[in-house]
PDB file of N, CA and C in Angstrom:
ATOM      1  N   LEU A   1      -2.764  18.470  -3.648  1.00  0.00           N
ATOM      2  CA  LEU A   1      -3.169  17.177  -4.201  1.00  0.00           C
ATOM      3  C   LEU A   1      -4.682  17.054  -4.205  1.00  0.00           C
ATOM      4  N   HIS A   2      -5.315  17.523  -3.126  1.00  0.00           N
ATOM      5  CA  HIS A   2      -6.772  17.419  -3.066  1.00  0.00           C
ATOM      6  C   HIS A   2      -7.427  18.187  -4.206  1.00  0.00           C
ATOM      7  N   ALA A   3      -6.895  19.358  -4.529  1.00  0.00           N
ATOM      8  CA  ALA A   3      -7.461  20.164  -5.624  1.00  0.00           C
ATOM      9  C   ALA A   3      -7.345  19.420  -6.953  1.00  0.00           C
ATOM     10  N   TYR A   4      -6.242  18.728  -7.159  1.00  0.00           N
ATOM     11  CA  TYR A   4      -6.046  17.952  -8.383  1.00  0.00           C
ATOM     12  C   TYR A   4      -7.080  16.830  -8.478  1.00  0.00           C
ATOM     13  N   VAL A   5      -7.252  16.089  -7.399  1.00  0.00           N
ATOM     14  CA  VAL A   5      -8.208  14.977  -7.389  1.00  0.00           C
ATOM     15  C   VAL A   5      -9.631  15.509  -7.545  1.00  0.00           C
ATOM     16  N   LEU A   6      -9.932  16.601  -6.894  1.00  0.00           N
ATOM     17  CA  LEU A   6     -11.253  17.212  -7.006  1.00  0.00           C
ATOM     18  C   LEU A   6     -11.541  17.612  -8.458  1.00  0.00           C
ATOM     19  N   ARG A   7     -10.573  18.237  -9.111  1.00  0.00           N
ATOM     20  CA  ARG A   7     -10.760  18.624 -10.515  1.00  0.00           C
ATOM     21  C   ARG A   7     -10.940  17.389 -11.393  1.00  0.00           C
ATOM     22  N   TRP A   8     -10.172  16.370 -11.123  1.00  0.00           N
ATOM     23  CA  TRP A   8     -10.253  15.117 -11.874  1.00  0.00           C
ATOM     24  C   TRP A   8     -11.648  14.513 -11.730  1.00  0.00           C
ATOM     25  N   ALA A   9     -12.163  14.445 -10.512  1.00  0.00           N
ATOM     26  CA  ALA A   9     -13.498  13.889 -10.268  1.00  0.00           C
ATOM     27  C   ALA A   9     -14.571  14.708 -10.986  1.00  0.00           C
ATOM     28  N   ARG A  10     -14.483  16.005 -10.895  1.00  0.00           N
ATOM     29  CA  ARG A  10     -15.477  16.867 -11.545  1.00  0.00           C
ATOM     30  C   ARG A  10     -15.419  16.751 -13.063  1.00  0.00           C
ATOM     31  N   ASP A  11     -14.211  16.721 -13.600  1.00  0.00           N
ATOM     32  CA  ASP A  11     -14.067  16.602 -15.055  1.00  0.00           C
ATOM     33  C   ASP A  11     -14.597  15.268 -15.567  1.00  0.00           C
ATOM     34  N   LEU A  12     -14.304  14.198 -14.855  1.00  0.00           N
ATOM     35  CA  LEU A  12     -14.806  12.891 -15.286  1.00  0.00           C
ATOM     36  C   LEU A  12     -16.317  12.809 -15.148  1.00  0.00           C
ATOM     37  N   LYS A  13     -16.866  13.399 -14.117  1.00  0.00           N
ATOM     38  CA  LYS A  13     -18.324  13.436 -13.972  1.00  0.00           C
ATOM     39  C   LYS A  13     -18.942  14.194 -15.133  1.00  0.00           C
ATOM     40  N   ARG A  14     -18.380  15.340 -15.461  1.00  0.00           N
ATOM     41  CA  ARG A  14     -18.884  16.169 -16.560  1.00  0.00           C
ATOM     42  C   ARG A  14     -18.778  15.433 -17.895  1.00  0.00           C
ATOM     43  N   PHE A  15     -17.748  14.624 -18.060  1.00  0.00           N
ATOM     44  CA  PHE A  15     -17.582  13.821 -19.275  1.00  0.00           C
ATOM     45  C   PHE A  15     -18.808  12.953 -19.499  1.00  0.00           C
ATOM     46  N   GLY A  16     -19.311  12.366 -18.430  1.00  0.00           N
ATOM     47  CA  GLY A  16     -20.592  11.680 -18.467  1.00  0.00           C
ATOM     48  C   GLY A  16     -20.590  10.250 -18.962  1.00  0.00           C
ATOM     49  N   GLU A  17     -19.596   9.849 -19.689  1.00  0.00           N
ATOM     50  CA  GLU A  17     -19.518   8.470 -20.178  1.00  0.00           C
ATOM     51  C   GLU A  17     -18.850   7.596 -19.124  1.00  0.00           C
ATOM     52  N   ARG A  18     -18.989   6.308 -19.284  1.00  0.00           N
ATOM     53  CA  ARG A  18     -18.356   5.358 -18.375  1.00  0.00           C
ATOM     54  C   ARG A  18     -16.834   5.502 -18.469  1.00  0.00           C
ATOM     55  N   VAL A  19     -16.202   5.562 -17.309  1.00  0.00           N
ATOM     56  CA  VAL A  19     -14.748   5.689 -17.229  1.00  0.00           C
ATOM     57  C   VAL A  19     -14.239   4.654 -16.229  1.00  0.00           C
ATOM     58  N   LEU A  20     -13.210   3.929 -16.618  1.00  0.00           N
ATOM     59  CA  LEU A  20     -12.582   2.964 -15.728  1.00  0.00           C
ATOM     60  C   LEU A  20     -11.290   3.576 -15.189  1.00  0.00           C
ATOM     61  N   VAL A  21     -11.127   3.559 -13.876  1.00  0.00           N
ATOM     62  CA  VAL A  21      -9.937   4.124 -13.248  1.00  0.00           C
ATOM     63  C   VAL A  21      -9.231   3.027 -12.462  1.00  0.00           C
ATOM     64  N   ARG A  22      -7.955   2.924 -12.707  1.00  0.00           N
ATOM     65  CA  ARG A  22      -7.128   1.950 -11.989  1.00  0.00           C
ATOM     66  C   ARG A  22      -6.138   2.738 -11.136  1.00  0.00           C
ATOM     67  N   PHE A  23      -6.365   2.748  -9.855  1.00  0.00           N
ATOM     68  CA  PHE A  23      -5.531   3.495  -8.919  1.00  0.00           C
ATOM     69  C   PHE A  23      -4.470   2.597  -8.288  1.00  0.00           C
ATOM     70  N   GLY A  24      -3.258   3.077  -8.242  1.00  0.00           N
ATOM     71  CA  GLY A  24      -2.201   2.412  -7.481  1.00  0.00           C
ATOM     72  C   GLY A  24      -1.932   0.985  -7.892  1.00  0.00           C
ATOM     73  N   HIS A  25      -1.937   0.737  -9.188  1.00  0.00           N
ATOM     74  CA  HIS A  25      -1.720  -0.625  -9.665  1.00  0.00           C
ATOM     75  C   HIS A  25      -0.369  -1.173  -9.200  1.00  0.00           C
ATOM     76  N   GLU A  26      -0.317  -2.464  -9.060  1.00  0.00           N
ATOM     77  CA  GLU A  26       0.879  -3.201  -8.671  1.00  0.00           C
ATOM     78  C   GLU A  26       1.515  -2.659  -7.388  1.00  0.00           C
ATOM     79  N   MET A  27       0.664  -2.361  -6.417  1.00  0.00           N
ATOM     80  CA  MET A  27       1.159  -1.832  -5.146  1.00  0.00           C
ATOM     81  C   MET A  27       1.911  -2.888  -4.343  1.00  0.00           C
ATOM     82  N   ASN A  28       1.857  -4.132  -4.802  1.00  0.00           N
ATOM     83  CA  ASN A  28       2.535  -5.205  -4.077  1.00  0.00           C
ATOM     84  C   ASN A  28       3.957  -5.446  -4.584  1.00  0.00           C
ATOM     85  N   GLY A  29       4.390  -4.680  -5.592  1.00  0.00           N
ATOM     86  CA  GLY A  29       5.756  -4.802  -6.094  1.00  0.00           C
ATOM     87  C   GLY A  29       6.635  -3.721  -5.480  1.00  0.00           C
ATOM     88  N   ASP A  30       7.831  -3.589  -6.003  1.00  0.00           N
ATOM     89  CA  ASP A  30       8.714  -2.553  -5.476  1.00  0.00           C
ATOM     90  C   ASP A  30       9.186  -1.597  -6.580  1.00  0.00           C
ATOM     91  N   TRP A  31       8.478  -1.560  -7.681  1.00  0.00           N
ATOM     92  CA  TRP A  31       8.899  -0.759  -8.831  1.00  0.00           C
ATOM     93  C   TRP A  31       8.106   0.534  -9.011  1.00  0.00           C
ATOM     94  N   TYR A  32       7.175   0.838  -8.114  1.00  0.00           N
ATOM     95  CA  TYR A  32       6.440   2.105  -8.159  1.00  0.00           C
ATOM     96  C   TYR A  32       6.600   2.830  -6.831  1.00  0.00           C
ATOM     97  N   PRO A  33       6.636   4.154  -6.856  1.00  0.00           N
ATOM     98  CA  PRO A  33       6.864   4.898  -5.608  1.00  0.00           C
ATOM     99  C   PRO A  33       5.737   4.768  -4.588  1.00  0.00           C
ATOM    100  N   TRP A  34       4.553   4.337  -5.000  1.00  0.00           N
ATOM    101  CA  TRP A  34       3.435   4.186  -4.058  1.00  0.00           C
ATOM    102  C   TRP A  34       3.350   2.780  -3.477  1.00  0.00           C
ATOM    103  N   ALA A  35       4.213   1.894  -3.901  1.00  0.00           N
ATOM    104  CA  ALA A  35       4.139   0.493  -3.477  1.00  0.00           C
ATOM    105  C   ALA A  35       4.439   0.357  -1.984  1.00  0.00           C
ATOM    106  N   VAL A  36       3.830  -0.647  -1.403  1.00  0.00           N
ATOM    107  CA  VAL A  36       4.084  -0.963  -0.006  1.00  0.00           C
ATOM    108  C   VAL A  36       5.551  -1.355   0.133  1.00  0.00           C
ATOM    109  N   GLY A  37       6.230  -0.739   1.092  1.00  0.00           N
ATOM    110  CA  GLY A  37       7.637  -1.015   1.320  1.00  0.00           C
ATOM    111  C   GLY A  37       8.571  -0.049   0.610  1.00  0.00           C
ATOM    112  N   VAL A  38       8.045   0.796  -0.266  1.00  0.00           N
ATOM    113  CA  VAL A  38       8.850   1.789  -0.978  1.00  0.00           C
ATOM    114  C   VAL A  38       8.584   3.156  -0.346  1.00  0.00           C
ATOM    115  N   ASN A  39       9.627   3.925  -0.166  1.00  0.00           N
ATOM    116  CA  ASN A  39       9.507   5.278   0.413  1.00  0.00           C
ATOM    117  C   ASN A  39       8.843   5.266   1.792  1.00  0.00           C
ATOM    118  N   GLY A  40       8.964   4.176   2.492  1.00  0.00           N
ATOM    119  CA  GLY A  40       8.383   4.090   3.826  1.00  0.00           C
ATOM    120  C   GLY A  40       6.886   3.812   3.840  1.00  0.00           C
ATOM    121  N   ASN A  41       6.315   3.489   2.677  1.00  0.00           N
ATOM    122  CA  ASN A  41       4.877   3.219   2.597  1.00  0.00           C
ATOM    123  C   ASN A  41       4.532   1.887   3.251  1.00  0.00           C
ATOM    124  N   GLY A  42       3.394   1.878   3.910  1.00  0.00           N
ATOM    125  CA  GLY A  42       2.861   0.651   4.479  1.00  0.00           C
ATOM    126  C   GLY A  42       1.480   0.374   3.911  1.00  0.00           C
ATOM    127  N   ALA A  43       0.956  -0.774   4.208  1.00  0.00           N
ATOM    128  CA  ALA A  43      -0.371  -1.149   3.719  1.00  0.00           C
ATOM    129  C   ALA A  43      -1.433  -0.160   4.196  1.00  0.00           C
ATOM    130  N   ASP A  44      -1.308   0.326   5.417  1.00  0.00           N
ATOM    131  CA  ASP A  44      -2.289   1.287   5.937  1.00  0.00           C
ATOM    132  C   ASP A  44      -2.243   2.608   5.169  1.00  0.00           C
ATOM    133  N   ASP A  45      -1.063   3.007   4.707  1.00  0.00           N
ATOM    134  CA  ASP A  45      -0.941   4.219   3.899  1.00  0.00           C
ATOM    135  C   ASP A  45      -1.679   4.050   2.570  1.00  0.00           C
ATOM    136  N   PHE A  46      -1.512   2.888   1.958  1.00  0.00           N
ATOM    137  CA  PHE A  46      -2.188   2.624   0.689  1.00  0.00           C
ATOM    138  C   PHE A  46      -3.700   2.642   0.880  1.00  0.00           C
ATOM    139  N   LYS A  47      -4.167   1.990   1.924  1.00  0.00           N
ATOM    140  CA  LYS A  47      -5.613   1.965   2.189  1.00  0.00           C
ATOM    141  C   LYS A  47      -6.153   3.363   2.455  1.00  0.00           C
ATOM    142  N   ALA A  48      -5.415   4.167   3.184  1.00  0.00           N
ATOM    143  CA  ALA A  48      -5.850   5.538   3.478  1.00  0.00           C
ATOM    144  C   ALA A  48      -5.927   6.368   2.200  1.00  0.00           C
ATOM    145  N   ALA A  49      -4.946   6.202   1.322  1.00  0.00           N
ATOM    146  CA  ALA A  49      -4.951   6.942   0.051  1.00  0.00           C
ATOM    147  C   ALA A  49      -6.148   6.519  -0.798  1.00  0.00           C
ATOM    148  N   TRP A  50      -6.417   5.236  -0.865  1.00  0.00           N
ATOM    149  CA  TRP A  50      -7.558   4.707  -1.620  1.00  0.00           C
ATOM    150  C   TRP A  50      -8.863   5.285  -1.081  1.00  0.00           C
ATOM    151  N   ARG A  51      -9.032   5.258   0.215  1.00  0.00           N
ATOM    152  CA  ARG A  51     -10.261   5.774   0.827  1.00  0.00           C
ATOM    153  C   ARG A  51     -10.424   7.271   0.586  1.00  0.00           C
ATOM    154  N   ALA A  52      -9.326   8.024   0.672  1.00  0.00           N
ATOM    155  CA  ALA A  52      -9.393   9.471   0.444  1.00  0.00           C
ATOM    156  C   ALA A  52      -9.764   9.777  -1.004  1.00  0.00           C
ATOM    157  N   LEU A  53      -9.167   9.056  -1.932  1.00  0.00           N
ATOM    158  CA  LEU A  53      -9.489   9.248  -3.353  1.00  0.00           C
ATOM    159  C   LEU A  53     -10.954   8.939  -3.620  1.00  0.00           C
ATOM    160  N   ARG A  54     -11.408   7.795  -3.163  1.00  0.00           N
ATOM    161  CA  ARG A  54     -12.801   7.395  -3.369  1.00  0.00           C
ATOM    162  C   ARG A  54     -13.770   8.369  -2.718  1.00  0.00           C
ATOM    163  N   ALA A  55     -13.423   8.909  -1.575  1.00  0.00           N
ATOM    164  CA  ALA A  55     -14.293   9.855  -0.880  1.00  0.00           C
ATOM    165  C   ALA A  55     -14.539  11.091  -1.725  1.00  0.00           C
ATOM    166  N   VAL A  56     -13.504  11.585  -2.391  1.00  0.00           N
ATOM    167  CA  VAL A  56     -13.672  12.765  -3.248  1.00  0.00           C
ATOM    168  C   VAL A  56     -14.619  12.444  -4.393  1.00  0.00           C
ATOM    169  N   PHE A  57     -14.431  11.321  -5.047  1.00  0.00           N
ATOM    170  CA  PHE A  57     -15.303  10.946  -6.166  1.00  0.00           C
ATOM    171  C   PHE A  57     -16.732  10.716  -5.689  1.00  0.00           C
ATOM    172  N   ASP A  58     -16.882  10.114  -4.518  1.00  0.00           N
ATOM    173  CA  ASP A  58     -18.225   9.906  -3.955  1.00  0.00           C
ATOM    174  C   ASP A  58     -18.885  11.240  -3.623  1.00  0.00           C
ATOM    175  N   GLU A  59     -18.148  12.154  -3.019  1.00  0.00           N
ATOM    176  CA  GLU A  59     -18.698  13.471  -2.672  1.00  0.00           C
ATOM    177  C   GLU A  59     -19.136  14.238  -3.914  1.00  0.00           C
ATOM    178  N   GLU A  60     -18.397  14.068  -4.995  1.00  0.00           N
ATOM    179  CA  GLU A  60     -18.720  14.759  -6.245  1.00  0.00           C
ATOM    180  C   GLU A  60     -19.765  14.001  -7.072  1.00  0.00           C
ATOM    181  N   GLU A  61     -20.185  12.844  -6.579  1.00  0.00           N
ATOM    182  CA  GLU A  61     -21.182  12.004  -7.246  1.00  0.00           C
ATOM    183  C   GLU A  61     -20.777  11.670  -8.680  1.00  0.00           C
ATOM    184  N   ALA A  62     -19.526  11.317  -8.842  1.00  0.00           N
ATOM    185  CA  ALA A  62     -19.006  10.904 -10.141  1.00  0.00           C
ATOM    186  C   ALA A  62     -19.329   9.426 -10.335  1.00  0.00           C
ATOM    187  N   THR A  63     -20.594   9.135 -10.518  1.00  0.00           N
ATOM    188  CA  THR A  63     -21.072   7.757 -10.552  1.00  0.00           C
ATOM    189  C   THR A  63     -20.756   7.040 -11.863  1.00  0.00           C
ATOM    190  N   ASN A  64     -20.298   7.768 -12.859  1.00  0.00           N
ATOM    191  CA  ASN A  64     -19.909   7.144 -14.109  1.00  0.00           C
ATOM    192  C   ASN A  64     -18.494   6.546 -14.035  1.00  0.00           C
ATOM    193  N   VAL A  65     -17.800   6.798 -12.948  1.00  0.00           N
ATOM    194  CA  VAL A  65     -16.461   6.266 -12.756  1.00  0.00           C
ATOM    195  C   VAL A  65     -16.563   4.897 -12.093  1.00  0.00           C
ATOM    196  N   GLU A  66     -15.934   3.911 -12.714  1.00  0.00           N
ATOM    197  CA  GLU A  66     -15.874   2.574 -12.146  1.00  0.00           C
ATOM    198  C   GLU A  66     -14.417   2.272 -11.810  1.00  0.00           C
ATOM    199  N   TRP A  67     -14.217   1.612 -10.699  1.00  0.00           N
ATOM    200  CA  TRP A  67     -12.881   1.380 -10.176  1.00  0.00           C
ATOM    201  C   TRP A  67     -12.404  -0.017 -10.508  1.00  0.00           C
ATOM    202  N   VAL A  68     -11.227  -0.096 -11.078  1.00  0.00           N
ATOM    203  CA  VAL A  68     -10.614  -1.367 -11.476  1.00  0.00           C
ATOM    204  C   VAL A  68      -9.564  -1.718 -10.444  1.00  0.00           C
ATOM    205  N   TRP A  69      -9.600  -2.936  -9.984  1.00  0.00           N
ATOM    206  CA  TRP A  69      -8.636  -3.364  -8.980  1.00  0.00           C
ATOM    207  C   TRP A  69      -7.460  -4.017  -9.631  1.00  0.00           C
TER     208      TRP A  69
END
């Protein structure tokens, strides 16, 4: 998974234009596998995933990526 995210960050950085990324949308419902309460996921799991994803993009300096909540 890390290799996939790393490639994604590098490719978006190389693209160079502004990119909006919406990660884990509707995590408060029960209709997505990443949602809190689904597959044993908790709020702390969601926060950890968000932080790990952002860390990769920050490390790769993909500053053209903007995060949509």
